[in-house]
mmCIF file of all heavy atoms, coordinates in Angstrom:
data_MODEL
# 
_entry.id   MODEL 
# 
loop_
_atom_site.group_PDB 
_atom_site.id 
_atom_site.type_symbol 
_atom_site.label_atom_id 
_atom_site.label_alt_id 
_atom_site.label_comp_id 
_atom_site.label_asym_id 
_atom_site.label_entity_id 
_atom_site.label_seq_id 
_atom_site.pdbx_PDB_ins_code 
_atom_site.Cartn_x 
_atom_site.Cartn_y 
_atom_site.Cartn_z 
_atom_site.occupancy 
_atom_site.B_iso_or_equiv 
_atom_site.pdbx_formal_charge 
_atom_site.auth_seq_id 
_atom_site.auth_comp_id 
_atom_site.auth_asym_id 
_atom_site.auth_atom_id 
_atom_site.pdbx_PDB_model_num 
ATOM 1   N N   . THR A 1 1  ? 161.424 158.160 124.625 1.00 0.00 ? 1  THR A N   1 
ATOM 2   C CA  . THR A 1 1  ? 161.533 157.041 125.496 1.00 0.00 ? 1  THR A CA  1 
ATOM 3   C C   . THR A 1 1  ? 160.223 156.237 125.669 1.00 0.00 ? 1  THR A C   1 
ATOM 4   O O   . THR A 1 1  ? 160.236 155.026 125.655 1.00 0.00 ? 1  THR A O   1 
ATOM 5   C CB  . THR A 1 1  ? 162.003 157.507 126.953 1.00 0.00 ? 1  THR A CB  1 
ATOM 6   O OG1 . THR A 1 1  ? 163.315 158.141 126.794 1.00 0.00 ? 1  THR A OG1 1 
ATOM 7   C CG2 . THR A 1 1  ? 162.146 156.379 127.918 1.00 0.00 ? 1  THR A CG2 1 
ATOM 8   N N   . GLU A 1 2  ? 159.179 157.048 125.757 1.00 0.00 ? 2  GLU A N   1 
ATOM 9   C CA  . GLU A 1 2  ? 157.842 156.411 125.927 1.00 0.00 ? 2  GLU A CA  1 
ATOM 10  C C   . GLU A 1 2  ? 157.416 155.607 124.696 1.00 0.00 ? 2  GLU A C   1 
ATOM 11  O O   . GLU A 1 2  ? 156.793 154.501 124.816 1.00 0.00 ? 2  GLU A O   1 
ATOM 12  C CB  . GLU A 1 2  ? 156.762 157.498 126.191 1.00 0.00 ? 2  GLU A CB  1 
ATOM 13  C CG  . GLU A 1 2  ? 156.863 158.159 127.593 1.00 0.00 ? 2  GLU A CG  1 
ATOM 14  C CD  . GLU A 1 2  ? 158.152 159.060 127.767 1.00 0.00 ? 2  GLU A CD  1 
ATOM 15  O OE1 . GLU A 1 2  ? 158.599 159.566 126.795 1.00 0.00 ? 2  GLU A OE1 1 
ATOM 16  O OE2 . GLU A 1 2  ? 158.629 159.073 128.963 1.00 0.00 ? 2  GLU A OE2 1 
ATOM 17  N N   . LYS A 1 3  ? 157.699 156.083 123.549 1.00 0.00 ? 3  LYS A N   1 
ATOM 18  C CA  . LYS A 1 3  ? 157.351 155.337 122.270 1.00 0.00 ? 3  LYS A CA  1 
ATOM 19  C C   . LYS A 1 3  ? 158.174 154.114 122.177 1.00 0.00 ? 3  LYS A C   1 
ATOM 20  O O   . LYS A 1 3  ? 157.719 153.103 121.654 1.00 0.00 ? 3  LYS A O   1 
ATOM 21  C CB  . LYS A 1 3  ? 157.476 156.265 121.052 1.00 0.00 ? 3  LYS A CB  1 
ATOM 22  C CG  . LYS A 1 3  ? 156.339 157.282 121.020 1.00 0.00 ? 3  LYS A CG  1 
ATOM 23  C CD  . LYS A 1 3  ? 156.447 158.097 119.718 1.00 0.00 ? 3  LYS A CD  1 
ATOM 24  C CE  . LYS A 1 3  ? 155.313 159.129 119.532 1.00 0.00 ? 3  LYS A CE  1 
ATOM 25  N NZ  . LYS A 1 3  ? 155.369 159.965 118.368 1.00 0.00 ? 3  LYS A NZ  1 
ATOM 26  N N   . MET A 1 4  ? 159.485 154.165 122.618 1.00 0.00 ? 4  MET A N   1 
ATOM 27  C CA  . MET A 1 4  ? 160.344 153.002 122.522 1.00 0.00 ? 4  MET A CA  1 
ATOM 28  C C   . MET A 1 4  ? 159.742 151.925 123.451 1.00 0.00 ? 4  MET A C   1 
ATOM 29  O O   . MET A 1 4  ? 159.541 150.788 123.070 1.00 0.00 ? 4  MET A O   1 
ATOM 30  C CB  . MET A 1 4  ? 161.719 153.406 123.020 1.00 0.00 ? 4  MET A CB  1 
ATOM 31  C CG  . MET A 1 4  ? 162.653 152.206 122.935 1.00 0.00 ? 4  MET A CG  1 
ATOM 32  S SD  . MET A 1 4  ? 163.061 151.704 121.256 1.00 0.00 ? 4  MET A SD  1 
ATOM 33  C CE  . MET A 1 4  ? 162.326 150.046 121.277 1.00 0.00 ? 4  MET A CE  1 
ATOM 34  N N   . THR A 1 5  ? 159.245 152.305 124.642 1.00 0.00 ? 5  THR A N   1 
ATOM 35  C CA  . THR A 1 5  ? 158.663 151.379 125.559 1.00 0.00 ? 5  THR A CA  1 
ATOM 36  C C   . THR A 1 5  ? 157.370 150.881 125.018 1.00 0.00 ? 5  THR A C   1 
ATOM 37  O O   . THR A 1 5  ? 157.010 149.695 125.152 1.00 0.00 ? 5  THR A O   1 
ATOM 38  C CB  . THR A 1 5  ? 158.459 152.084 126.901 1.00 0.00 ? 5  THR A CB  1 
ATOM 39  O OG1 . THR A 1 5  ? 159.711 152.591 127.331 1.00 0.00 ? 5  THR A OG1 1 
ATOM 40  C CG2 . THR A 1 5  ? 158.057 151.038 127.971 1.00 0.00 ? 5  THR A CG2 1 
ATOM 41  N N   . ARG A 1 6  ? 156.546 151.759 124.349 1.00 0.00 ? 6  ARG A N   1 
ATOM 42  C CA  . ARG A 1 6  ? 155.338 151.356 123.858 1.00 0.00 ? 6  ARG A CA  1 
ATOM 43  C C   . ARG A 1 6  ? 155.482 150.228 122.787 1.00 0.00 ? 6  ARG A C   1 
ATOM 44  O O   . ARG A 1 6  ? 154.712 149.240 122.865 1.00 0.00 ? 6  ARG A O   1 
ATOM 45  C CB  . ARG A 1 6  ? 154.629 152.584 123.197 1.00 0.00 ? 6  ARG A CB  1 
ATOM 46  C CG  . ARG A 1 6  ? 153.213 152.248 122.632 1.00 0.00 ? 6  ARG A CG  1 
ATOM 47  C CD  . ARG A 1 6  ? 152.674 153.465 121.937 1.00 0.00 ? 6  ARG A CD  1 
ATOM 48  N NE  . ARG A 1 6  ? 151.418 153.126 121.189 1.00 0.00 ? 6  ARG A NE  1 
ATOM 49  C CZ  . ARG A 1 6  ? 150.838 153.916 120.306 1.00 0.00 ? 6  ARG A CZ  1 
ATOM 50  N NH1 . ARG A 1 6  ? 151.283 155.190 120.115 1.00 0.00 ? 6  ARG A NH1 1 
ATOM 51  N NH2 . ARG A 1 6  ? 149.830 153.508 119.623 1.00 0.00 ? 6  ARG A NH2 1 
ATOM 52  N N   . ILE A 1 7  ? 156.351 150.363 121.818 1.00 0.00 ? 7  ILE A N   1 
ATOM 53  C CA  . ILE A 1 7  ? 156.598 149.349 120.836 1.00 0.00 ? 7  ILE A CA  1 
ATOM 54  C C   . ILE A 1 7  ? 156.946 147.998 121.458 1.00 0.00 ? 7  ILE A C   1 
ATOM 55  O O   . ILE A 1 7  ? 156.577 146.944 121.038 1.00 0.00 ? 7  ILE A O   1 
ATOM 56  C CB  . ILE A 1 7  ? 157.527 149.768 119.730 1.00 0.00 ? 7  ILE A CB  1 
ATOM 57  C CG1 . ILE A 1 7  ? 157.372 148.985 118.505 1.00 0.00 ? 7  ILE A CG1 1 
ATOM 58  C CG2 . ILE A 1 7  ? 158.986 149.677 120.246 1.00 0.00 ? 7  ILE A CG2 1 
ATOM 59  C CD1 . ILE A 1 7  ? 156.281 149.476 117.597 1.00 0.00 ? 7  ILE A CD1 1 
ATOM 60  N N   . LEU A 1 8  ? 157.772 148.034 122.520 1.00 0.00 ? 8  LEU A N   1 
ATOM 61  C CA  . LEU A 1 8  ? 158.227 146.871 123.194 1.00 0.00 ? 8  LEU A CA  1 
ATOM 62  C C   . LEU A 1 8  ? 157.014 146.198 123.883 1.00 0.00 ? 8  LEU A C   1 
ATOM 63  O O   . LEU A 1 8  ? 156.925 144.916 123.969 1.00 0.00 ? 8  LEU A O   1 
ATOM 64  C CB  . LEU A 1 8  ? 159.258 147.122 124.221 1.00 0.00 ? 8  LEU A CB  1 
ATOM 65  C CG  . LEU A 1 8  ? 160.645 147.657 123.662 1.00 0.00 ? 8  LEU A CG  1 
ATOM 66  C CD1 . LEU A 1 8  ? 161.588 148.028 124.805 1.00 0.00 ? 8  LEU A CD1 1 
ATOM 67  C CD2 . LEU A 1 8  ? 161.294 146.582 122.840 1.00 0.00 ? 8  LEU A CD2 1 
ATOM 68  N N   . ASN A 1 9  ? 156.104 146.984 124.374 1.00 0.00 ? 9  ASN A N   1 
ATOM 69  C CA  . ASN A 1 9  ? 154.943 146.409 125.048 1.00 0.00 ? 9  ASN A CA  1 
ATOM 70  C C   . ASN A 1 9  ? 153.909 145.966 123.960 1.00 0.00 ? 9  ASN A C   1 
ATOM 71  O O   . ASN A 1 9  ? 153.154 144.928 124.221 1.00 0.00 ? 9  ASN A O   1 
ATOM 72  C CB  . ASN A 1 9  ? 154.243 147.493 125.895 1.00 0.00 ? 9  ASN A CB  1 
ATOM 73  C CG  . ASN A 1 9  ? 155.131 147.794 127.038 1.00 0.00 ? 9  ASN A CG  1 
ATOM 74  O OD1 . ASN A 1 9  ? 155.813 146.998 127.568 1.00 0.00 ? 9  ASN A OD1 1 
ATOM 75  N ND2 . ASN A 1 9  ? 154.914 149.056 127.651 1.00 0.00 ? 9  ASN A ND2 1 
ATOM 76  N N   . GLU A 1 10 ? 153.755 146.622 122.859 1.00 0.00 ? 10 GLU A N   1 
ATOM 77  C CA  . GLU A 1 10 ? 152.730 146.298 121.918 1.00 0.00 ? 10 GLU A CA  1 
ATOM 78  C C   . GLU A 1 10 ? 153.210 144.982 121.005 1.00 0.00 ? 10 GLU A C   1 
ATOM 79  O O   . GLU A 1 10 ? 152.280 144.363 120.502 1.00 0.00 ? 10 GLU A O   1 
ATOM 80  C CB  . GLU A 1 10 ? 152.399 147.373 120.955 1.00 0.00 ? 10 GLU A CB  1 
ATOM 81  C CG  . GLU A 1 10 ? 151.606 148.542 121.737 1.00 0.00 ? 10 GLU A CG  1 
ATOM 82  C CD  . GLU A 1 10 ? 151.098 149.549 120.758 1.00 0.00 ? 10 GLU A CD  1 
ATOM 83  O OE1 . GLU A 1 10 ? 151.222 149.414 119.514 1.00 0.00 ? 10 GLU A OE1 1 
ATOM 84  O OE2 . GLU A 1 10 ? 150.608 150.595 121.219 1.00 0.00 ? 10 GLU A OE2 1 
ATOM 85  N N   . ILE A 1 11 ? 154.490 144.797 120.977 1.00 0.00 ? 11 ILE A N   1 
ATOM 86  C CA  . ILE A 1 11 ? 154.939 143.567 120.303 1.00 0.00 ? 11 ILE A CA  1 
ATOM 87  C C   . ILE A 1 11 ? 155.738 142.760 121.287 1.00 0.00 ? 11 ILE A C   1 
ATOM 88  O O   . ILE A 1 11 ? 156.932 142.923 121.577 1.00 0.00 ? 11 ILE A O   1 
ATOM 89  C CB  . ILE A 1 11 ? 155.865 144.020 119.222 1.00 0.00 ? 11 ILE A CB  1 
ATOM 90  C CG1 . ILE A 1 11 ? 155.257 144.980 118.162 1.00 0.00 ? 11 ILE A CG1 1 
ATOM 91  C CG2 . ILE A 1 11 ? 156.337 142.685 118.371 1.00 0.00 ? 11 ILE A CG2 1 
ATOM 92  C CD1 . ILE A 1 11 ? 156.176 145.417 117.050 1.00 0.00 ? 11 ILE A CD1 1 
ATOM 93  N N   . PRO A 1 12 ? 154.945 141.876 122.012 1.00 0.00 ? 12 PRO A N   1 
ATOM 94  C CA  . PRO A 1 12 ? 155.575 141.117 123.120 1.00 0.00 ? 12 PRO A CA  1 
ATOM 95  C C   . PRO A 1 12 ? 156.540 139.982 122.707 1.00 0.00 ? 12 PRO A C   1 
ATOM 96  O O   . PRO A 1 12 ? 156.251 138.743 122.934 1.00 0.00 ? 12 PRO A O   1 
ATOM 97  C CB  . PRO A 1 12 ? 154.329 140.584 123.866 1.00 0.00 ? 12 PRO A CB  1 
ATOM 98  C CG  . PRO A 1 12 ? 153.331 140.423 122.793 1.00 0.00 ? 12 PRO A CG  1 
ATOM 99  C CD  . PRO A 1 12 ? 153.591 141.508 121.766 1.00 0.00 ? 12 PRO A CD  1 
ATOM 100 N N   . SER A 1 13 ? 157.610 140.422 121.999 1.00 0.00 ? 13 SER A N   1 
ATOM 101 C CA  . SER A 1 13 ? 158.598 139.507 121.542 1.00 0.00 ? 13 SER A CA  1 
ATOM 102 C C   . SER A 1 13 ? 159.929 139.826 122.126 1.00 0.00 ? 13 SER A C   1 
ATOM 103 O O   . SER A 1 13 ? 160.316 140.889 122.094 1.00 0.00 ? 13 SER A O   1 
ATOM 104 C CB  . SER A 1 13 ? 158.714 139.492 120.015 1.00 0.00 ? 13 SER A CB  1 
ATOM 105 O OG  . SER A 1 13 ? 159.785 138.739 119.565 1.00 0.00 ? 13 SER A OG  1 
ATOM 106 N N   . SER A 1 14 ? 160.604 138.721 122.704 1.00 0.00 ? 14 SER A N   1 
ATOM 107 C CA  . SER A 1 14 ? 161.913 138.968 123.224 1.00 0.00 ? 14 SER A CA  1 
ATOM 108 C C   . SER A 1 14 ? 163.021 139.229 122.153 1.00 0.00 ? 14 SER A C   1 
ATOM 109 O O   . SER A 1 14 ? 164.105 139.498 122.583 1.00 0.00 ? 14 SER A O   1 
ATOM 110 C CB  . SER A 1 14 ? 162.253 137.726 124.096 1.00 0.00 ? 14 SER A CB  1 
ATOM 111 O OG  . SER A 1 14 ? 162.297 136.550 123.398 1.00 0.00 ? 14 SER A OG  1 
ATOM 112 N N   . THR A 1 15 ? 162.624 139.080 120.935 1.00 0.00 ? 15 THR A N   1 
ATOM 113 C CA  . THR A 1 15 ? 163.601 139.333 119.883 1.00 0.00 ? 15 THR A CA  1 
ATOM 114 C C   . THR A 1 15 ? 163.778 140.851 119.605 1.00 0.00 ? 15 THR A C   1 
ATOM 115 O O   . THR A 1 15 ? 164.743 141.233 118.964 1.00 0.00 ? 15 THR A O   1 
ATOM 116 C CB  . THR A 1 15 ? 163.120 138.764 118.568 1.00 0.00 ? 15 THR A CB  1 
ATOM 117 O OG1 . THR A 1 15 ? 161.975 139.435 118.137 1.00 0.00 ? 15 THR A OG1 1 
ATOM 118 C CG2 . THR A 1 15 ? 162.890 137.233 118.720 1.00 0.00 ? 15 THR A CG2 1 
ATOM 119 N N   . LEU A 1 16 ? 162.980 141.784 120.181 1.00 0.00 ? 16 LEU A N   1 
ATOM 120 C CA  . LEU A 1 16 ? 163.227 143.219 120.057 1.00 0.00 ? 16 LEU A CA  1 
ATOM 121 C C   . LEU A 1 16 ? 164.064 143.712 121.177 1.00 0.00 ? 16 LEU A C   1 
ATOM 122 O O   . LEU A 1 16 ? 163.799 143.535 122.318 1.00 0.00 ? 16 LEU A O   1 
ATOM 123 C CB  . LEU A 1 16 ? 161.807 143.878 120.023 1.00 0.00 ? 16 LEU A CB  1 
ATOM 124 C CG  . LEU A 1 16 ? 160.827 143.537 118.897 1.00 0.00 ? 16 LEU A CG  1 
ATOM 125 C CD1 . LEU A 1 16 ? 159.626 144.457 118.999 1.00 0.00 ? 16 LEU A CD1 1 
ATOM 126 C CD2 . LEU A 1 16 ? 161.534 143.784 117.525 1.00 0.00 ? 16 LEU A CD2 1 
ATOM 127 N N   . GLY A 1 17 ? 165.050 144.395 120.732 1.00 0.00 ? 17 GLY A N   1 
ATOM 128 C CA  . GLY A 1 17 ? 166.034 145.081 121.707 1.00 0.00 ? 17 GLY A CA  1 
ATOM 129 C C   . GLY A 1 17 ? 166.162 146.528 121.327 1.00 0.00 ? 17 GLY A C   1 
ATOM 130 O O   . GLY A 1 17 ? 165.705 146.987 120.318 1.00 0.00 ? 17 GLY A O   1 
ATOM 131 N N   . VAL A 1 18 ? 166.894 147.247 122.203 1.00 0.00 ? 18 VAL A N   1 
ATOM 132 C CA  . VAL A 1 18 ? 167.113 148.689 122.005 1.00 0.00 ? 18 VAL A CA  1 
ATOM 133 C C   . VAL A 1 18 ? 168.476 149.019 121.623 1.00 0.00 ? 18 VAL A C   1 
ATOM 134 O O   . VAL A 1 18 ? 169.402 148.490 122.237 1.00 0.00 ? 18 VAL A O   1 
ATOM 135 C CB  . VAL A 1 18 ? 166.672 149.421 123.254 1.00 0.00 ? 18 VAL A CB  1 
ATOM 136 C CG1 . VAL A 1 18 ? 166.887 151.003 123.007 1.00 0.00 ? 18 VAL A CG1 1 
ATOM 137 C CG2 . VAL A 1 18 ? 165.238 149.108 123.654 1.00 0.00 ? 18 VAL A CG2 1 
ATOM 138 N N   . VAL A 1 19 ? 168.764 149.722 120.599 1.00 0.00 ? 19 VAL A N   1 
ATOM 139 C CA  . VAL A 1 19 ? 169.982 150.398 120.326 1.00 0.00 ? 19 VAL A CA  1 
ATOM 140 C C   . VAL A 1 19 ? 169.948 151.791 120.809 1.00 0.00 ? 19 VAL A C   1 
ATOM 141 O O   . VAL A 1 19 ? 169.234 152.615 120.256 1.00 0.00 ? 19 VAL A O   1 
ATOM 142 C CB  . VAL A 1 19 ? 170.286 150.330 118.775 1.00 0.00 ? 19 VAL A CB  1 
ATOM 143 C CG1 . VAL A 1 19 ? 171.656 151.119 118.522 1.00 0.00 ? 19 VAL A CG1 1 
ATOM 144 C CG2 . VAL A 1 19 ? 170.452 148.928 118.236 1.00 0.00 ? 19 VAL A CG2 1 
ATOM 145 N N   . PHE A 1 20 ? 170.555 152.081 121.921 1.00 0.00 ? 20 PHE A N   1 
ATOM 146 C CA  . PHE A 1 20 ? 170.465 153.343 122.610 1.00 0.00 ? 20 PHE A CA  1 
ATOM 147 C C   . PHE A 1 20 ? 171.473 154.295 122.164 1.00 0.00 ? 20 PHE A C   1 
ATOM 148 O O   . PHE A 1 20 ? 172.666 154.118 122.524 1.00 0.00 ? 20 PHE A O   1 
ATOM 149 C CB  . PHE A 1 20 ? 170.420 153.112 124.133 1.00 0.00 ? 20 PHE A CB  1 
ATOM 150 C CG  . PHE A 1 20 ? 170.143 154.368 124.953 1.00 0.00 ? 20 PHE A CG  1 
ATOM 151 C CD1 . PHE A 1 20 ? 169.329 155.419 124.472 1.00 0.00 ? 20 PHE A CD1 1 
ATOM 152 C CD2 . PHE A 1 20 ? 170.764 154.599 126.253 1.00 0.00 ? 20 PHE A CD2 1 
ATOM 153 C CE1 . PHE A 1 20 ? 169.117 156.542 125.190 1.00 0.00 ? 20 PHE A CE1 1 
ATOM 154 C CE2 . PHE A 1 20 ? 170.421 155.665 126.937 1.00 0.00 ? 20 PHE A CE2 1 
ATOM 155 C CZ  . PHE A 1 20 ? 169.585 156.622 126.429 1.00 0.00 ? 20 PHE A CZ  1 
ATOM 156 N N   . ASP A 1 21 ? 171.087 155.339 121.434 1.00 0.00 ? 21 ASP A N   1 
ATOM 157 C CA  . ASP A 1 21 ? 171.980 156.444 121.067 1.00 0.00 ? 21 ASP A CA  1 
ATOM 158 C C   . ASP A 1 21 ? 171.378 157.679 121.747 1.00 0.00 ? 21 ASP A C   1 
ATOM 159 O O   . ASP A 1 21 ? 170.443 158.307 121.375 1.00 0.00 ? 21 ASP A O   1 
ATOM 160 C CB  . ASP A 1 21 ? 171.922 156.709 119.531 1.00 0.00 ? 21 ASP A CB  1 
ATOM 161 C CG  . ASP A 1 21 ? 172.951 157.734 119.182 1.00 0.00 ? 21 ASP A CG  1 
ATOM 162 O OD1 . ASP A 1 21 ? 173.089 158.711 119.966 1.00 0.00 ? 21 ASP A OD1 1 
ATOM 163 O OD2 . ASP A 1 21 ? 173.499 157.544 118.055 1.00 0.00 ? 21 ASP A OD2 1 
ATOM 164 N N   . PRO A 1 22 ? 171.885 158.014 122.982 1.00 0.00 ? 22 PRO A N   1 
ATOM 165 C CA  . PRO A 1 22 ? 171.335 159.096 123.781 1.00 0.00 ? 22 PRO A CA  1 
ATOM 166 C C   . PRO A 1 22 ? 171.323 160.446 123.065 1.00 0.00 ? 22 PRO A C   1 
ATOM 167 O O   . PRO A 1 22 ? 170.441 161.241 123.229 1.00 0.00 ? 22 PRO A O   1 
ATOM 168 C CB  . PRO A 1 22 ? 172.243 159.120 125.019 1.00 0.00 ? 22 PRO A CB  1 
ATOM 169 C CG  . PRO A 1 22 ? 173.445 158.518 124.579 1.00 0.00 ? 22 PRO A CG  1 
ATOM 170 C CD  . PRO A 1 22 ? 173.087 157.468 123.600 1.00 0.00 ? 22 PRO A CD  1 
ATOM 171 N N   . VAL A 1 23 ? 172.300 160.722 122.193 1.00 0.00 ? 23 VAL A N   1 
ATOM 172 C CA  . VAL A 1 23 ? 172.317 161.994 121.462 1.00 0.00 ? 23 VAL A CA  1 
ATOM 173 C C   . VAL A 1 23 ? 171.214 161.994 120.472 1.00 0.00 ? 23 VAL A C   1 
ATOM 174 O O   . VAL A 1 23 ? 170.592 163.114 120.295 1.00 0.00 ? 23 VAL A O   1 
ATOM 175 C CB  . VAL A 1 23 ? 173.697 162.252 120.836 1.00 0.00 ? 23 VAL A CB  1 
ATOM 176 C CG1 . VAL A 1 23 ? 173.720 163.457 119.942 1.00 0.00 ? 23 VAL A CG1 1 
ATOM 177 C CG2 . VAL A 1 23 ? 174.756 162.505 122.013 1.00 0.00 ? 23 VAL A CG2 1 
ATOM 178 N N   . ASN A 1 24 ? 170.979 160.967 119.852 1.00 0.00 ? 24 ASN A N   1 
ATOM 179 C CA  . ASN A 1 24 ? 169.876 160.861 118.813 1.00 0.00 ? 24 ASN A CA  1 
ATOM 180 C C   . ASN A 1 24 ? 168.570 161.032 119.431 1.00 0.00 ? 24 ASN A C   1 
ATOM 181 O O   . ASN A 1 24 ? 167.598 161.539 118.805 1.00 0.00 ? 24 ASN A O   1 
ATOM 182 C CB  . ASN A 1 24 ? 169.961 159.645 117.989 1.00 0.00 ? 24 ASN A CB  1 
ATOM 183 C CG  . ASN A 1 24 ? 170.896 159.712 116.841 1.00 0.00 ? 24 ASN A CG  1 
ATOM 184 O OD1 . ASN A 1 24 ? 171.574 160.642 116.536 1.00 0.00 ? 24 ASN A OD1 1 
ATOM 185 N ND2 . ASN A 1 24 ? 171.091 158.548 116.080 1.00 0.00 ? 24 ASN A ND2 1 
ATOM 186 N N   . LEU A 1 25 ? 168.412 160.541 120.648 1.00 0.00 ? 25 LEU A N   1 
ATOM 187 C CA  . LEU A 1 25 ? 167.104 160.606 121.295 1.00 0.00 ? 25 LEU A CA  1 
ATOM 188 C C   . LEU A 1 25 ? 166.827 161.841 122.169 1.00 0.00 ? 25 LEU A C   1 
ATOM 189 O O   . LEU A 1 25 ? 165.717 162.103 122.519 1.00 0.00 ? 25 LEU A O   1 
ATOM 190 C CB  . LEU A 1 25 ? 166.876 159.373 122.132 1.00 0.00 ? 25 LEU A CB  1 
ATOM 191 C CG  . LEU A 1 25 ? 165.501 159.022 122.701 1.00 0.00 ? 25 LEU A CG  1 
ATOM 192 C CD1 . LEU A 1 25 ? 164.481 158.953 121.603 1.00 0.00 ? 25 LEU A CD1 1 
ATOM 193 C CD2 . LEU A 1 25 ? 165.507 157.690 123.536 1.00 0.00 ? 25 LEU A CD2 1 
# 
């Protein structure tokens, strides 16, 4: 979860979204 959030913060583009597969994560 933390790394997903980190990439969203380091690349400040609204074009990045999350495909959330809870079992995979």
